[in-house]
Amino acid sequence: MLVASDILNDPTTLQHLPSHIRVEISPKQGLETRRSFLQDAIDKSALFFVCHYPFPGFGNIAKEDLRWKWIPIAENL
């Protein structure tokens, strides 16, 4: 399992990965970090916990074409 604290803040930003929050000091480095983190998760088929995502915050990441997609796990697991 990978824990994504502030590296991911909203599932919709996966559709536009270069977006960033205002307090991010280096948006370019942040983008590189997000891409690397997400690709590593896909390569490892990792389960994610993302504290800023809707309850329960557990799921997986998939890549479709050039975009990333959040796949939440069922709430009753």
N, C-alpha and C. Protein backbone atom coordinates (compact mmCIF):
# COMPACT_ATOMS: atom_id res chain seq x y z
N MET A 1 0.85 -1.17 0.00
CA MET A 1 0.00 0.00 0.00
C MET A 1 0.90 1.23 0.00
N LEU A 2 0.48 2.21 -0.78
CA LEU A 2 1.15 3.50 -0.80
C LEU A 2 0.24 4.54 -0.17
N VAL A 3 0.81 5.40 0.62
CA VAL A 3 0.05 6.48 1.24
C VAL A 3 0.43 7.78 0.53
N ALA A 4 -0.57 8.39 -0.05
CA ALA A 4 -0.36 9.67 -0.76
C ALA A 4 -0.96 10.77 0.10
N SER A 5 -0.14 11.44 0.80
CA SER A 5 -0.63 12.49 1.68
C SER A 5 -0.97 13.73 0.85
N ASP A 6 -0.06 14.66 0.74
CA ASP A 6 -0.35 15.88 0.00
C ASP A 6 0.09 15.83 -1.46
N ILE A 7 0.61 14.70 -1.90
CA ILE A 7 1.04 14.59 -3.30
C ILE A 7 -0.17 14.55 -4.24
N LEU A 8 -1.31 14.07 -3.73
CA LEU A 8 -2.56 14.06 -4.49
C LEU A 8 -3.62 14.72 -3.61
N ASN A 9 -4.32 15.73 -4.17
CA ASN A 9 -5.28 16.44 -3.33
C ASN A 9 -6.72 16.39 -3.80
N ASP A 10 -6.97 15.92 -5.02
CA ASP A 10 -8.33 15.83 -5.54
C ASP A 10 -8.33 14.86 -6.71
N PRO A 11 -9.26 13.89 -6.76
CA PRO A 11 -9.25 12.92 -7.85
C PRO A 11 -9.38 13.56 -9.24
N THR A 12 -10.02 14.71 -9.33
CA THR A 12 -10.17 15.34 -10.64
C THR A 12 -8.86 15.87 -11.19
N THR A 13 -7.89 16.13 -10.31
CA THR A 13 -6.60 16.62 -10.81
C THR A 13 -5.84 15.55 -11.59
N LEU A 14 -6.23 14.30 -11.44
CA LEU A 14 -5.59 13.24 -12.22
C LEU A 14 -5.86 13.42 -13.71
N GLN A 15 -6.95 14.09 -14.04
CA GLN A 15 -7.27 14.37 -15.44
C GLN A 15 -6.38 15.47 -16.02
N HIS A 16 -5.79 16.25 -15.14
CA HIS A 16 -4.88 17.33 -15.56
C HIS A 16 -3.73 17.38 -14.56
N LEU A 17 -2.80 16.45 -14.70
CA LEU A 17 -1.74 16.26 -13.73
C LEU A 17 -0.87 17.51 -13.50
N PRO A 18 -0.66 18.38 -14.49
CA PRO A 18 0.15 19.58 -14.24
C PRO A 18 -0.50 20.58 -13.27
N SER A 19 -1.79 20.40 -12.97
CA SER A 19 -2.41 21.33 -12.01
C SER A 19 -1.74 21.14 -10.66
N HIS A 20 -1.76 22.19 -9.87
CA HIS A 20 -1.10 22.13 -8.58
C HIS A 20 -1.79 23.09 -7.61
N ILE A 21 -1.51 22.89 -6.34
CA ILE A 21 -2.09 23.80 -5.35
C ILE A 21 -1.18 25.02 -5.19
N ARG A 22 -1.74 26.10 -4.77
CA ARG A 22 -1.04 27.38 -4.70
C ARG A 22 0.23 27.34 -3.84
N VAL A 23 0.21 26.55 -2.79
CA VAL A 23 1.35 26.54 -1.88
C VAL A 23 2.50 25.65 -2.37
N GLU A 24 2.33 25.01 -3.50
CA GLU A 24 3.40 24.18 -4.03
C GLU A 24 4.55 25.08 -4.47
N ILE A 25 5.71 24.88 -3.89
CA ILE A 25 6.85 25.76 -4.13
C ILE A 25 7.41 25.60 -5.55
N SER A 26 7.50 24.36 -6.02
CA SER A 26 8.06 24.09 -7.34
C SER A 26 7.09 23.23 -8.14
N PRO A 27 6.16 23.86 -8.87
CA PRO A 27 5.18 23.09 -9.64
C PRO A 27 5.82 22.10 -10.62
N LYS A 28 6.94 22.46 -11.24
CA LYS A 28 7.59 21.56 -12.20
C LYS A 28 8.09 20.30 -11.48
N GLN A 29 8.75 20.48 -10.35
CA GLN A 29 9.23 19.33 -9.59
C GLN A 29 8.06 18.52 -9.03
N GLY A 30 7.00 19.20 -8.63
CA GLY A 30 5.80 18.51 -8.15
C GLY A 30 5.20 17.62 -9.21
N LEU A 31 5.12 18.12 -10.45
CA LEU A 31 4.59 17.34 -11.56
C LEU A 31 5.45 16.10 -11.79
N GLU A 32 6.75 16.27 -11.81
CA GLU A 32 7.66 15.13 -12.01
C GLU A 32 7.48 14.10 -10.90
N THR A 33 7.32 14.57 -9.67
CA THR A 33 7.13 13.68 -8.53
C THR A 33 5.82 12.93 -8.65
N ARG A 34 4.73 13.63 -9.00
CA ARG A 34 3.42 12.97 -9.15
C ARG A 34 3.47 11.91 -10.24
N ARG A 35 4.05 12.24 -11.38
CA ARG A 35 4.14 11.25 -12.48
C ARG A 35 4.92 10.02 -12.06
N SER A 36 6.04 10.22 -11.44
CA SER A 36 6.89 9.10 -10.99
C SER A 36 6.16 8.26 -9.95
N PHE A 37 5.53 8.92 -9.00
CA PHE A 37 4.80 8.24 -7.93
C PHE A 37 3.66 7.40 -8.50
N LEU A 38 2.90 7.98 -9.42
CA LEU A 38 1.77 7.27 -10.01
C LEU A 38 2.24 6.09 -10.86
N GLN A 39 3.29 6.29 -11.64
CA GLN A 39 3.78 5.20 -12.48
C GLN A 39 4.32 4.06 -11.62
N ASP A 40 5.00 4.40 -10.55
CA ASP A 40 5.51 3.38 -9.63
C ASP A 40 4.35 2.58 -9.04
N ALA A 41 3.28 3.26 -8.69
CA ALA A 41 2.11 2.59 -8.13
C ALA A 41 1.49 1.62 -9.14
N ILE A 42 1.41 2.03 -10.39
CA ILE A 42 0.86 1.15 -11.43
C ILE A 42 1.79 -0.05 -11.64
N ASP A 43 3.08 0.21 -11.70
CA ASP A 43 4.05 -0.88 -11.90
C ASP A 43 3.97 -1.92 -10.80
N LYS A 44 3.64 -1.48 -9.59
CA LYS A 44 3.57 -2.38 -8.43
C LYS A 44 2.15 -2.86 -8.14
N SER A 45 1.17 -2.42 -8.94
CA SER A 45 -0.24 -2.73 -8.67
C SER A 45 -0.60 -2.40 -7.23
N ALA A 46 -0.14 -1.25 -6.78
CA ALA A 46 -0.29 -0.87 -5.38
C ALA A 46 -1.69 -0.36 -5.05
N LEU A 47 -2.12 -0.67 -3.86
CA LEU A 47 -3.32 -0.08 -3.28
C LEU A 47 -2.90 1.28 -2.72
N PHE A 48 -3.75 2.27 -2.91
CA PHE A 48 -3.50 3.62 -2.43
C PHE A 48 -4.38 3.95 -1.24
N PHE A 49 -3.84 4.74 -0.34
CA PHE A 49 -4.66 5.48 0.61
C PHE A 49 -4.34 6.94 0.37
N VAL A 50 -5.38 7.70 0.03
CA VAL A 50 -5.21 9.13 -0.24
C VAL A 50 -6.13 9.88 0.72
N CYS A 51 -5.52 10.54 1.69
CA CYS A 51 -6.31 11.15 2.77
C CYS A 51 -7.23 12.27 2.28
N HIS A 52 -6.92 12.92 1.16
CA HIS A 52 -7.75 14.01 0.66
C HIS A 52 -8.86 13.56 -0.28
N TYR A 53 -8.92 12.27 -0.60
CA TYR A 53 -9.94 11.76 -1.52
C TYR A 53 -11.19 11.37 -0.73
N PRO A 54 -12.33 11.23 -1.42
CA PRO A 54 -13.58 10.87 -0.73
C PRO A 54 -13.46 9.55 0.04
N PHE A 55 -14.25 9.45 1.10
CA PHE A 55 -14.28 8.25 1.93
C PHE A 55 -14.51 7.03 1.05
N PRO A 56 -13.81 5.97 1.25
CA PRO A 56 -12.88 5.71 2.34
C PRO A 56 -11.43 6.09 2.03
N GLY A 57 -11.18 6.63 0.84
CA GLY A 57 -9.82 7.07 0.49
C GLY A 57 -8.91 5.96 0.02
N PHE A 58 -9.45 4.75 -0.14
CA PHE A 58 -8.66 3.62 -0.63
C PHE A 58 -9.03 3.33 -2.08
N GLY A 59 -8.04 2.99 -2.88
CA GLY A 59 -8.33 2.65 -4.26
C GLY A 59 -7.06 2.37 -5.04
N ASN A 60 -7.23 2.36 -6.34
CA ASN A 60 -6.11 2.12 -7.25
C ASN A 60 -6.07 3.23 -8.29
N ILE A 61 -4.95 3.30 -8.96
CA ILE A 61 -4.76 4.26 -10.05
C ILE A 61 -4.60 3.47 -11.34
N ALA A 62 -5.26 3.95 -12.39
CA ALA A 62 -5.10 3.35 -13.71
C ALA A 62 -4.72 4.46 -14.68
N LYS A 63 -4.11 4.07 -15.77
CA LYS A 63 -3.76 5.04 -16.80
C LYS A 63 -4.51 4.67 -18.06
N GLU A 64 -5.27 5.63 -18.56
CA GLU A 64 -6.04 5.46 -19.80
C GLU A 64 -5.60 6.54 -20.77
N ASP A 65 -5.05 6.11 -21.88
CA ASP A 65 -4.46 7.03 -22.84
C ASP A 65 -3.36 7.83 -22.13
N LEU A 66 -3.50 9.12 -22.05
CA LEU A 66 -2.49 9.95 -21.38
C LEU A 66 -2.98 10.47 -20.04
N ARG A 67 -4.09 9.94 -19.55
CA ARG A 67 -4.66 10.44 -18.30
C ARG A 67 -4.69 9.36 -17.24
N TRP A 68 -4.64 9.80 -16.02
CA TRP A 68 -4.71 8.91 -14.87
C TRP A 68 -6.15 8.86 -14.39
N LYS A 69 -6.53 7.77 -13.76
CA LYS A 69 -7.91 7.60 -13.29
C LYS A 69 -7.90 6.98 -11.90
N TRP A 70 -8.71 7.53 -11.03
CA TRP A 70 -8.88 7.01 -9.68
C TRP A 70 -9.97 5.95 -9.69
N ILE A 71 -9.67 4.78 -9.12
CA ILE A 71 -10.63 3.69 -9.03
C ILE A 71 -10.82 3.38 -7.54
N PRO A 72 -11.86 3.95 -6.93
CA PRO A 72 -12.05 3.71 -5.48
C PRO A 72 -12.49 2.28 -5.22
N ILE A 73 -12.09 1.76 -4.05
CA ILE A 73 -12.59 0.43 -3.67
C ILE A 73 -13.95 0.61 -3.06
N ALA A 74 -14.71 -0.48 -3.01
CA ALA A 74 -16.06 -0.42 -2.44
C ALA A 74 -16.00 0.00 -0.97
N GLU A 75 -16.96 0.77 -0.54
CA GLU A 75 -17.00 1.25 0.84
C GLU A 75 -17.24 0.13 1.85
N ASN A 76 -17.79 -0.99 1.41
CA ASN A 76 -18.15 -2.04 2.37
C ASN A 76 -17.09 -3.12 2.51
N LEU A 77 -15.87 -2.89 2.02
CA LEU A 77 -14.82 -3.91 2.18
C LEU A 77 -14.28 -3.92 3.58
